[in-house]
Amino acid sequence: MKPMQKESIMNETHDVDLLNEGLQGEYFAITAYDAALGTGLLSAKVTTVAKGFQADHRAHAQAISEAIERLRERASAPKTWKEYAAMYPPPKLASETDVLQYAASLERAAAVADTKMVARILDPALRTLFARIGGVESMHWALLRSTLGEAPIPDSFIPSD
């Protein structure tokens, strides 16, 4: 195998691992919105928004899965809510405000993770994919903050943590 071919294969493997990491984040978001919707704590208006955000996460998961398939690799399977909740225990959700605060914290984490992913991915087209996804996560976070009566954009930059 030529050195250039070996490097290309290593780069693709690196990116596939990161794509699957990002895919798990999207799966977690989908299941978290299922859990939130299942609490019975959300008003009709917030339910509509939550379902829209969940649809965005489904679209992100689909795009990431397709990118993995284009690299002739296998996308990781989603975990159950119980498995995600064990890994990332949710706070006690007793009110719509609790659910909104939790959702805002998850969307913030997603925006940060996707921003960091841009620096880690090697393929420029895949970096662009994560930049586009991260932009949407940032909009979700801003809308949730606004709904909670907080400044929608708390800083000039996405947090780095």
N, C-alpha and C. Protein backbone atom coordinates (compact mmCIF):
# COMPACT_ATOMS: atom_id res chain seq x y z
N MET A 1 0.84 -1.18 0.00
CA MET A 1 0.00 0.00 0.00
C MET A 1 0.88 1.24 0.00
N LYS A 2 0.56 2.18 -0.84
CA LYS A 2 1.32 3.41 -0.92
C LYS A 2 1.07 4.25 0.33
N PRO A 3 2.05 5.06 0.75
CA PRO A 3 1.88 5.89 1.94
C PRO A 3 0.66 6.79 1.87
N MET A 4 0.38 7.36 0.68
CA MET A 4 -0.77 8.26 0.53
C MET A 4 -2.08 7.51 0.76
N GLN A 5 -2.17 6.27 0.26
CA GLN A 5 -3.38 5.47 0.45
C GLN A 5 -3.57 5.13 1.93
N LYS A 6 -2.48 4.77 2.60
CA LYS A 6 -2.54 4.43 4.01
C LYS A 6 -3.01 5.64 4.83
N GLU A 7 -2.48 6.81 4.53
CA GLU A 7 -2.88 8.03 5.24
C GLU A 7 -4.35 8.33 5.00
N SER A 8 -4.82 8.16 3.78
CA SER A 8 -6.23 8.40 3.46
C SER A 8 -7.14 7.47 4.24
N ILE A 9 -6.78 6.20 4.34
CA ILE A 9 -7.57 5.23 5.09
C ILE A 9 -7.58 5.60 6.58
N MET A 10 -6.43 6.00 7.11
CA MET A 10 -6.35 6.40 8.52
C MET A 10 -7.22 7.63 8.77
N ASN A 11 -7.19 8.59 7.85
CA ASN A 11 -8.01 9.79 8.00
C ASN A 11 -9.50 9.45 7.99
N GLU A 12 -9.90 8.55 7.07
CA GLU A 12 -11.30 8.15 7.01
C GLU A 12 -11.72 7.43 8.29
N THR A 13 -10.88 6.56 8.80
CA THR A 13 -11.19 5.84 10.04
C THR A 13 -11.33 6.83 11.18
N HIS A 14 -10.43 7.79 11.26
CA HIS A 14 -10.49 8.84 12.28
C HIS A 14 -11.83 9.57 12.18
N ASP A 15 -12.18 9.99 10.97
CA ASP A 15 -13.43 10.74 10.78
C ASP A 15 -14.65 9.89 11.07
N VAL A 16 -14.63 8.61 10.71
CA VAL A 16 -15.78 7.74 11.00
C VAL A 16 -15.99 7.62 12.50
N ASP A 17 -14.92 7.47 13.25
CA ASP A 17 -15.04 7.40 14.71
C ASP A 17 -15.69 8.67 15.24
N LEU A 18 -15.27 9.83 14.73
CA LEU A 18 -15.84 11.09 15.17
C LEU A 18 -17.28 11.25 14.70
N LEU A 19 -17.56 10.80 13.49
CA LEU A 19 -18.94 10.85 12.99
C LEU A 19 -19.85 10.02 13.90
N ASN A 20 -19.41 8.84 14.28
CA ASN A 20 -20.22 8.01 15.18
C ASN A 20 -20.39 8.66 16.55
N GLU A 21 -19.38 9.36 17.00
CA GLU A 21 -19.49 10.11 18.26
C GLU A 21 -20.57 11.18 18.12
N GLY A 22 -20.53 11.93 17.03
CA GLY A 22 -21.56 12.94 16.78
C GLY A 22 -22.94 12.34 16.62
N LEU A 23 -23.00 11.19 15.98
CA LEU A 23 -24.27 10.49 15.78
C LEU A 23 -24.88 10.11 17.12
N GLN A 24 -24.05 9.63 18.04
CA GLN A 24 -24.57 9.29 19.37
C GLN A 24 -25.15 10.51 20.07
N GLY A 25 -24.52 11.67 19.87
CA GLY A 25 -25.06 12.91 20.44
C GLY A 25 -26.44 13.22 19.90
N GLU A 26 -26.62 13.01 18.60
CA GLU A 26 -27.94 13.25 17.99
C GLU A 26 -28.96 12.24 18.49
N TYR A 27 -28.56 10.98 18.60
CA TYR A 27 -29.47 9.96 19.13
C TYR A 27 -29.88 10.30 20.56
N PHE A 28 -28.92 10.76 21.35
CA PHE A 28 -29.21 11.14 22.73
C PHE A 28 -30.26 12.26 22.74
N ALA A 29 -30.07 13.26 21.88
CA ALA A 29 -31.03 14.37 21.82
C ALA A 29 -32.42 13.87 21.45
N ILE A 30 -32.50 12.97 20.47
CA ILE A 30 -33.80 12.43 20.05
C ILE A 30 -34.49 11.74 21.22
N THR A 31 -33.76 10.90 21.94
CA THR A 31 -34.37 10.18 23.06
C THR A 31 -34.67 11.11 24.23
N ALA A 32 -33.84 12.13 24.43
CA ALA A 32 -34.12 13.10 25.50
C ALA A 32 -35.41 13.86 25.21
N TYR A 33 -35.63 14.24 23.96
CA TYR A 33 -36.89 14.91 23.62
C TYR A 33 -38.07 13.94 23.77
N ASP A 34 -37.88 12.66 23.44
CA ASP A 34 -38.94 11.67 23.70
C ASP A 34 -39.28 11.65 25.18
N ALA A 35 -38.25 11.62 26.02
CA ALA A 35 -38.47 11.59 27.47
C ALA A 35 -39.16 12.87 27.93
N ALA A 36 -38.73 14.01 27.42
CA ALA A 36 -39.35 15.28 27.80
C ALA A 36 -40.82 15.33 27.38
N LEU A 37 -41.07 14.89 26.16
CA LEU A 37 -42.45 14.89 25.66
C LEU A 37 -43.32 13.92 26.46
N GLY A 38 -42.71 12.87 26.97
CA GLY A 38 -43.45 11.88 27.75
C GLY A 38 -43.74 12.28 29.18
N THR A 39 -43.20 13.39 29.64
CA THR A 39 -43.41 13.80 31.04
C THR A 39 -44.82 14.31 31.29
N GLY A 40 -45.46 14.81 30.23
CA GLY A 40 -46.78 15.42 30.41
C GLY A 40 -46.70 16.81 31.01
N LEU A 41 -45.50 17.36 31.12
CA LEU A 41 -45.31 18.68 31.74
C LEU A 41 -45.34 19.84 30.74
N LEU A 42 -45.33 19.54 29.46
CA LEU A 42 -45.18 20.58 28.45
C LEU A 42 -46.53 21.10 27.95
N SER A 43 -46.60 22.41 27.79
CA SER A 43 -47.78 23.03 27.19
C SER A 43 -47.83 22.66 25.71
N ALA A 44 -48.95 22.93 25.08
CA ALA A 44 -49.11 22.60 23.66
C ALA A 44 -48.07 23.35 22.82
N LYS A 45 -47.84 24.62 23.13
CA LYS A 45 -46.87 25.43 22.37
C LYS A 45 -45.45 24.87 22.51
N VAL A 46 -45.05 24.53 23.72
CA VAL A 46 -43.70 24.00 23.95
C VAL A 46 -43.59 22.60 23.34
N THR A 47 -44.65 21.83 23.39
CA THR A 47 -44.64 20.50 22.76
C THR A 47 -44.36 20.63 21.27
N THR A 48 -45.00 21.60 20.62
CA THR A 48 -44.78 21.81 19.18
C THR A 48 -43.33 22.14 18.90
N VAL A 49 -42.76 23.02 19.70
CA VAL A 49 -41.35 23.40 19.51
C VAL A 49 -40.43 22.20 19.78
N ALA A 50 -40.69 21.46 20.84
CA ALA A 50 -39.86 20.30 21.18
C ALA A 50 -39.90 19.27 20.05
N LYS A 51 -41.06 19.05 19.47
CA LYS A 51 -41.16 18.11 18.35
C LYS A 51 -40.38 18.62 17.14
N GLY A 52 -40.39 19.93 16.93
CA GLY A 52 -39.60 20.51 15.83
C GLY A 52 -38.11 20.34 16.06
N PHE A 53 -37.66 20.58 17.29
CA PHE A 53 -36.24 20.40 17.61
C PHE A 53 -35.85 18.93 17.45
N GLN A 54 -36.73 18.04 17.89
CA GLN A 54 -36.46 16.61 17.75
C GLN A 54 -36.35 16.23 16.27
N ALA A 55 -37.19 16.81 15.44
CA ALA A 55 -37.12 16.54 14.00
C ALA A 55 -35.78 17.02 13.43
N ASP A 56 -35.28 18.16 13.93
CA ASP A 56 -33.96 18.63 13.51
C ASP A 56 -32.89 17.61 13.88
N HIS A 57 -32.96 17.08 15.09
CA HIS A 57 -31.97 16.08 15.52
C HIS A 57 -32.07 14.81 14.68
N ARG A 58 -33.27 14.45 14.30
CA ARG A 58 -33.42 13.28 13.42
C ARG A 58 -32.76 13.56 12.06
N ALA A 59 -32.95 14.76 11.54
CA ALA A 59 -32.33 15.13 10.26
C ALA A 59 -30.81 15.13 10.38
N HIS A 60 -30.30 15.62 11.51
CA HIS A 60 -28.85 15.61 11.74
C HIS A 60 -28.33 14.17 11.78
N ALA A 61 -29.04 13.31 12.52
CA ALA A 61 -28.63 11.90 12.61
C ALA A 61 -28.63 11.25 11.23
N GLN A 62 -29.63 11.56 10.44
CA GLN A 62 -29.71 11.00 9.09
C GLN A 62 -28.52 11.46 8.24
N ALA A 63 -28.21 12.75 8.30
CA ALA A 63 -27.09 13.28 7.51
C ALA A 63 -25.76 12.66 7.94
N ILE A 64 -25.57 12.49 9.24
CA ILE A 64 -24.33 11.89 9.74
C ILE A 64 -24.28 10.41 9.32
N SER A 65 -25.39 9.70 9.45
CA SER A 65 -25.43 8.29 9.03
C SER A 65 -25.09 8.14 7.56
N GLU A 66 -25.65 9.02 6.74
CA GLU A 66 -25.36 8.98 5.30
C GLU A 66 -23.89 9.26 5.01
N ALA A 67 -23.29 10.18 5.78
CA ALA A 67 -21.86 10.47 5.60
C ALA A 67 -21.03 9.23 5.95
N ILE A 68 -21.42 8.53 6.98
CA ILE A 68 -20.70 7.30 7.36
C ILE A 68 -20.85 6.26 6.26
N GLU A 69 -22.05 6.11 5.74
CA GLU A 69 -22.28 5.13 4.66
C GLU A 69 -21.48 5.48 3.41
N ARG A 70 -21.34 6.77 3.11
CA ARG A 70 -20.54 7.18 1.95
C ARG A 70 -19.08 6.76 2.11
N LEU A 71 -18.64 6.63 3.34
CA LEU A 71 -17.28 6.17 3.62
C LEU A 71 -17.22 4.65 3.72
N ARG A 72 -18.33 4.01 3.38
CA ARG A 72 -18.45 2.54 3.37
C ARG A 72 -18.21 1.94 4.75
N GLU A 73 -18.70 2.63 5.75
CA GLU A 73 -18.58 2.17 7.13
C GLU A 73 -19.98 2.02 7.72
N ARG A 74 -20.03 1.54 8.93
CA ARG A 74 -21.30 1.29 9.59
C ARG A 74 -21.55 2.33 10.69
N ALA A 75 -22.74 2.89 10.65
CA ALA A 75 -23.15 3.84 11.68
C ALA A 75 -23.48 3.10 12.97
N SER A 76 -23.15 3.70 14.09
CA SER A 76 -23.47 3.08 15.38
C SER A 76 -24.98 3.13 15.60
N ALA A 77 -25.46 2.19 16.40
CA ALA A 77 -26.88 2.10 16.71
C ALA A 77 -27.21 3.00 17.91
N PRO A 78 -28.43 3.49 17.95
CA PRO A 78 -28.82 4.31 19.11
C PRO A 78 -28.94 3.46 20.37
N LYS A 79 -28.75 4.11 21.50
CA LYS A 79 -28.96 3.47 22.78
C LYS A 79 -30.40 3.78 23.23
N THR A 80 -30.81 3.18 24.29
CA THR A 80 -32.13 3.48 24.85
C THR A 80 -32.02 4.71 25.76
N TRP A 81 -33.16 5.32 26.08
CA TRP A 81 -33.16 6.45 27.00
C TRP A 81 -32.55 6.02 28.33
N LYS A 82 -32.87 4.82 28.77
CA LYS A 82 -32.35 4.32 30.04
C LYS A 82 -30.81 4.29 30.02
N GLU A 83 -30.24 3.84 28.91
CA GLU A 83 -28.78 3.79 28.79
C GLU A 83 -28.18 5.21 28.77
N TYR A 84 -28.80 6.12 28.01
CA TYR A 84 -28.29 7.50 27.98
C TYR A 84 -28.44 8.15 29.35
N ALA A 85 -29.58 7.93 30.00
CA ALA A 85 -29.82 8.54 31.31
C ALA A 85 -28.84 8.02 32.35
N ALA A 86 -28.41 6.76 32.21
CA ALA A 86 -27.41 6.22 33.13
C ALA A 86 -26.05 6.89 32.90
N MET A 87 -25.75 7.18 31.63
CA MET A 87 -24.48 7.83 31.29
C MET A 87 -24.50 9.31 31.67
N TYR A 88 -25.64 9.96 31.46
CA TYR A 88 -25.81 11.40 31.70
C TYR A 88 -27.09 11.60 32.49
N PRO A 89 -27.05 11.38 33.80
CA PRO A 89 -28.28 11.45 34.60
C PRO A 89 -28.98 12.81 34.48
N PRO A 90 -30.26 12.77 34.14
CA PRO A 90 -31.01 14.03 34.04
C PRO A 90 -31.37 14.56 35.43
N PRO A 91 -31.62 15.85 35.53
CA PRO A 91 -32.08 16.40 36.80
C PRO A 91 -33.54 15.99 37.04
N LYS A 92 -34.05 16.27 38.22
CA LYS A 92 -35.46 16.01 38.51
C LYS A 92 -36.28 16.98 37.66
N LEU A 93 -37.23 16.43 36.92
CA LEU A 93 -38.07 17.24 36.05
C LEU A 93 -39.49 17.25 36.62
N ALA A 94 -39.82 18.37 37.30
CA ALA A 94 -41.12 18.47 37.96
C ALA A 94 -42.02 19.54 37.35
N SER A 95 -41.46 20.33 36.41
CA SER A 95 -42.24 21.41 35.81
C SER A 95 -41.77 21.65 34.38
N GLU A 96 -42.56 22.41 33.65
CA GLU A 96 -42.16 22.76 32.29
C GLU A 96 -40.84 23.54 32.30
N THR A 97 -40.67 24.40 33.27
CA THR A 97 -39.42 25.16 33.38
C THR A 97 -38.24 24.23 33.58
N ASP A 98 -38.39 23.20 34.41
CA ASP A 98 -37.31 22.22 34.60
C ASP A 98 -36.94 21.56 33.27
N VAL A 99 -37.94 21.18 32.49
CA VAL A 99 -37.70 20.53 31.20
C VAL A 99 -37.01 21.50 30.25
N LEU A 100 -37.46 22.76 30.22
CA LEU A 100 -36.84 23.76 29.35
C LEU A 100 -35.39 24.01 29.74
N GLN A 101 -35.12 24.09 31.03
CA GLN A 101 -33.74 24.30 31.49
C GLN A 101 -32.86 23.12 31.12
N TYR A 102 -33.38 21.92 31.27
CA TYR A 102 -32.62 20.72 30.90
C TYR A 102 -32.36 20.70 29.40
N ALA A 103 -33.40 20.99 28.62
CA ALA A 103 -33.24 21.02 27.16
C ALA A 103 -32.21 22.08 26.76
N ALA A 104 -32.27 23.24 27.39
CA ALA A 104 -31.29 24.30 27.09
C ALA A 104 -29.88 23.83 27.40
N SER A 105 -29.70 23.12 28.51
CA SER A 105 -28.36 22.65 28.86
C SER A 105 -27.86 21.63 27.84
N LEU A 106 -28.76 20.77 27.36
CA LEU A 106 -28.37 19.78 26.35
C LEU A 106 -28.06 20.43 25.01
N GLU A 107 -28.85 21.42 24.61
CA GLU A 107 -28.59 22.11 23.34
C GLU A 107 -27.29 22.90 23.42
N ARG A 108 -27.01 23.49 24.57
CA ARG A 108 -25.73 24.19 24.75
C ARG A 108 -24.59 23.20 24.58
N ALA A 109 -24.70 22.06 25.25
CA ALA A 109 -23.65 21.04 25.15
C ALA A 109 -23.48 20.57 23.71
N ALA A 110 -24.58 20.43 22.99
CA ALA A 110 -24.51 20.01 21.58
C ALA A 110 -23.82 21.06 20.73
N ALA A 111 -24.15 22.33 20.95
CA ALA A 111 -23.52 23.41 20.19
C ALA A 111 -22.01 23.44 20.43
N VAL A 112 -21.62 23.27 21.69
CA VAL A 112 -20.19 23.25 22.03
C VAL A 112 -19.51 22.04 21.39
N ALA A 113 -20.13 20.86 21.51
CA ALA A 113 -19.54 19.63 20.96
C ALA A 113 -19.39 19.73 19.44
N ASP A 114 -20.40 20.25 18.77
CA ASP A 114 -20.32 20.36 17.31
C ASP A 114 -19.27 21.38 16.88
N THR A 115 -19.13 22.44 17.64
CA THR A 115 -18.10 23.44 17.34
C THR A 115 -16.71 22.81 17.49
N LYS A 116 -16.52 22.04 18.55
CA LYS A 116 -15.25 21.36 18.76
C LYS A 116 -15.00 20.30 17.69
N MET A 117 -16.08 19.66 17.22
CA MET A 117 -15.95 18.62 16.21
C MET A 117 -15.38 19.19 14.91
N VAL A 118 -15.71 20.43 14.61
CA VAL A 118 -15.20 21.07 13.39
C VAL A 118 -13.67 21.05 13.39
N ALA A 119 -13.08 21.26 14.54
CA ALA A 119 -11.61 21.26 14.63
C ALA A 119 -11.01 19.85 14.59
N ARG A 120 -11.80 18.86 14.95
CA ARG A 120 -11.27 17.49 15.04
C ARG A 120 -11.40 16.70 13.74
N ILE A 121 -12.45 16.98 12.97
CA ILE A 121 -12.70 16.25 11.72
C ILE A 121 -11.65 16.67 10.68
N LEU A 122 -11.20 15.72 9.89
CA LEU A 122 -10.17 16.00 8.89
C LEU A 122 -10.75 16.39 7.53
N ASP A 123 -11.85 15.79 7.13
CA ASP A 123 -12.44 16.05 5.82
C ASP A 123 -13.18 17.40 5.84
N PRO A 124 -12.85 18.31 4.92
CA PRO A 124 -13.50 19.63 4.90
C PRO A 124 -15.02 19.57 4.76
N ALA A 125 -15.53 18.66 3.95
CA ALA A 125 -16.99 18.57 3.78
C ALA A 125 -17.67 18.14 5.08
N LEU A 126 -17.02 17.27 5.83
CA LEU A 126 -17.57 16.83 7.11
C LEU A 126 -17.46 17.92 8.16
N ARG A 127 -16.40 18.71 8.09
CA ARG A 127 -16.30 19.87 9.00
C ARG A 127 -17.47 20.82 8.75
N THR A 128 -17.77 21.03 7.48
CA THR A 128 -18.89 21.91 7.13
C THR A 128 -20.20 21.34 7.66
N LEU A 129 -20.39 20.03 7.55
CA LEU A 129 -21.60 19.40 8.08
C LEU A 129 -21.76 19.71 9.56
N PHE A 130 -20.69 19.54 10.33
CA PHE A 130 -20.79 19.79 11.77
C PHE A 130 -20.94 21.28 12.09
N ALA A 131 -20.38 22.14 11.28
CA ALA A 131 -20.59 23.57 11.49
C ALA A 131 -22.06 23.92 11.27
N ARG A 132 -22.65 23.32 10.26
CA ARG A 132 -24.07 23.57 9.96
C ARG A 132 -24.96 23.02 11.07
N ILE A 133 -24.65 21.83 11.55
CA ILE A 133 -25.42 21.24 12.65
C ILE A 133 -25.27 22.09 13.91
N GLY A 134 -24.04 22.48 14.22
CA GLY A 134 -23.79 23.29 15.41
C GLY A 134 -24.53 24.62 15.38
N GLY A 135 -24.67 25.19 14.19
CA GLY A 135 -25.44 26.43 14.07
C GLY A 135 -26.89 26.24 14.48
N VAL A 136 -27.46 25.12 14.10
CA VAL A 136 -28.85 24.84 14.47
C VAL A 136 -28.97 24.58 15.97
N GLU A 137 -28.00 23.84 16.53
CA GLU A 137 -28.03 23.59 17.98
C GLU A 137 -27.95 24.93 18.73
N SER A 138 -27.15 25.85 18.22
CA SER A 138 -27.05 27.17 18.84
C SER A 138 -28.38 27.92 18.79
N MET A 139 -29.08 27.79 17.66
CA MET A 139 -30.40 28.43 17.57
C MET A 139 -31.38 27.79 18.54
N HIS A 140 -31.34 26.47 18.68
CA HIS A 140 -32.21 25.81 19.67
C HIS A 140 -31.92 26.36 21.06
N TRP A 141 -30.64 26.42 21.40
CA TRP A 141 -30.24 26.90 22.72
C TRP A 141 -30.73 28.34 22.94
N ALA A 142 -30.55 29.19 21.94
CA ALA A 142 -30.96 30.59 22.06
C ALA A 142 -32.48 30.70 22.27
N LEU A 143 -33.25 29.94 21.52
CA LEU A 143 -34.70 29.99 21.66
C LEU A 143 -35.13 29.50 23.05
N LEU A 144 -34.51 28.42 23.52
CA LEU A 144 -34.85 27.92 24.84
C LEU A 144 -34.49 28.94 25.92
N ARG A 145 -33.34 29.58 25.80
CA ARG A 145 -32.95 30.62 26.76
C ARG A 145 -33.96 31.76 26.75
N SER A 146 -34.35 32.17 25.56
CA SER A 146 -35.33 33.26 25.44
C SER A 146 -36.65 32.89 26.09
N THR A 147 -37.09 31.66 25.87
CA THR A 147 -38.34 31.17 26.45
C THR A 147 -38.27 31.18 27.98
N LEU A 148 -37.08 30.94 28.51
CA LEU A 148 -36.88 30.95 29.96
C LEU A 148 -36.69 32.36 30.51
N GLY A 149 -36.75 33.36 29.64
CA GLY A 149 -36.57 34.74 30.08
C GLY A 149 -35.12 35.15 30.21
N GLU A 150 -34.23 34.36 29.66
CA GLU A 150 -32.79 34.66 29.70
C GLU A 150 -32.37 35.32 28.40
N ALA A 151 -31.24 35.98 28.42
CA ALA A 151 -30.70 36.56 27.19
C ALA A 151 -30.46 35.43 26.20
N PRO A 152 -31.03 35.51 25.00
CA PRO A 152 -30.87 34.40 24.05
C PRO A 152 -29.42 34.15 23.66
N ILE A 153 -28.64 35.20 23.58
CA ILE A 153 -27.23 35.06 23.20
C ILE A 153 -26.42 35.64 24.36
N PRO A 154 -25.93 34.77 25.24
CA PRO A 154 -25.27 35.25 26.45
C PRO A 154 -23.86 35.78 26.26
N ASP A 155 -23.25 35.50 25.11
CA ASP A 155 -21.87 35.90 24.88
C ASP A 155 -21.64 36.03 23.38
N SER A 156 -20.58 36.68 22.99
CA SER A 156 -20.25 36.86 21.57
C SER A 156 -19.70 35.59 20.94
N PHE A 157 -19.37 34.59 21.73
CA PHE A 157 -18.78 33.34 21.22
C PHE A 157 -19.50 32.16 21.86
N ILE A 158 -19.56 31.05 21.10
CA ILE A 158 -20.03 29.79 21.67
C ILE A 158 -19.03 29.41 22.76
N PRO A 159 -19.51 28.95 23.90
CA PRO A 159 -18.58 28.53 24.95
C PRO A 159 -17.64 27.43 24.44
N SER A 160 -16.49 27.32 25.07
CA SER A 160 -15.53 26.29 24.65
C SER A 160 -15.51 25.11 25.60
N ASP A 161 -16.40 25.11 26.58
CA ASP A 161 -16.45 23.98 27.54
C ASP A 161 -17.79 23.30 27.52
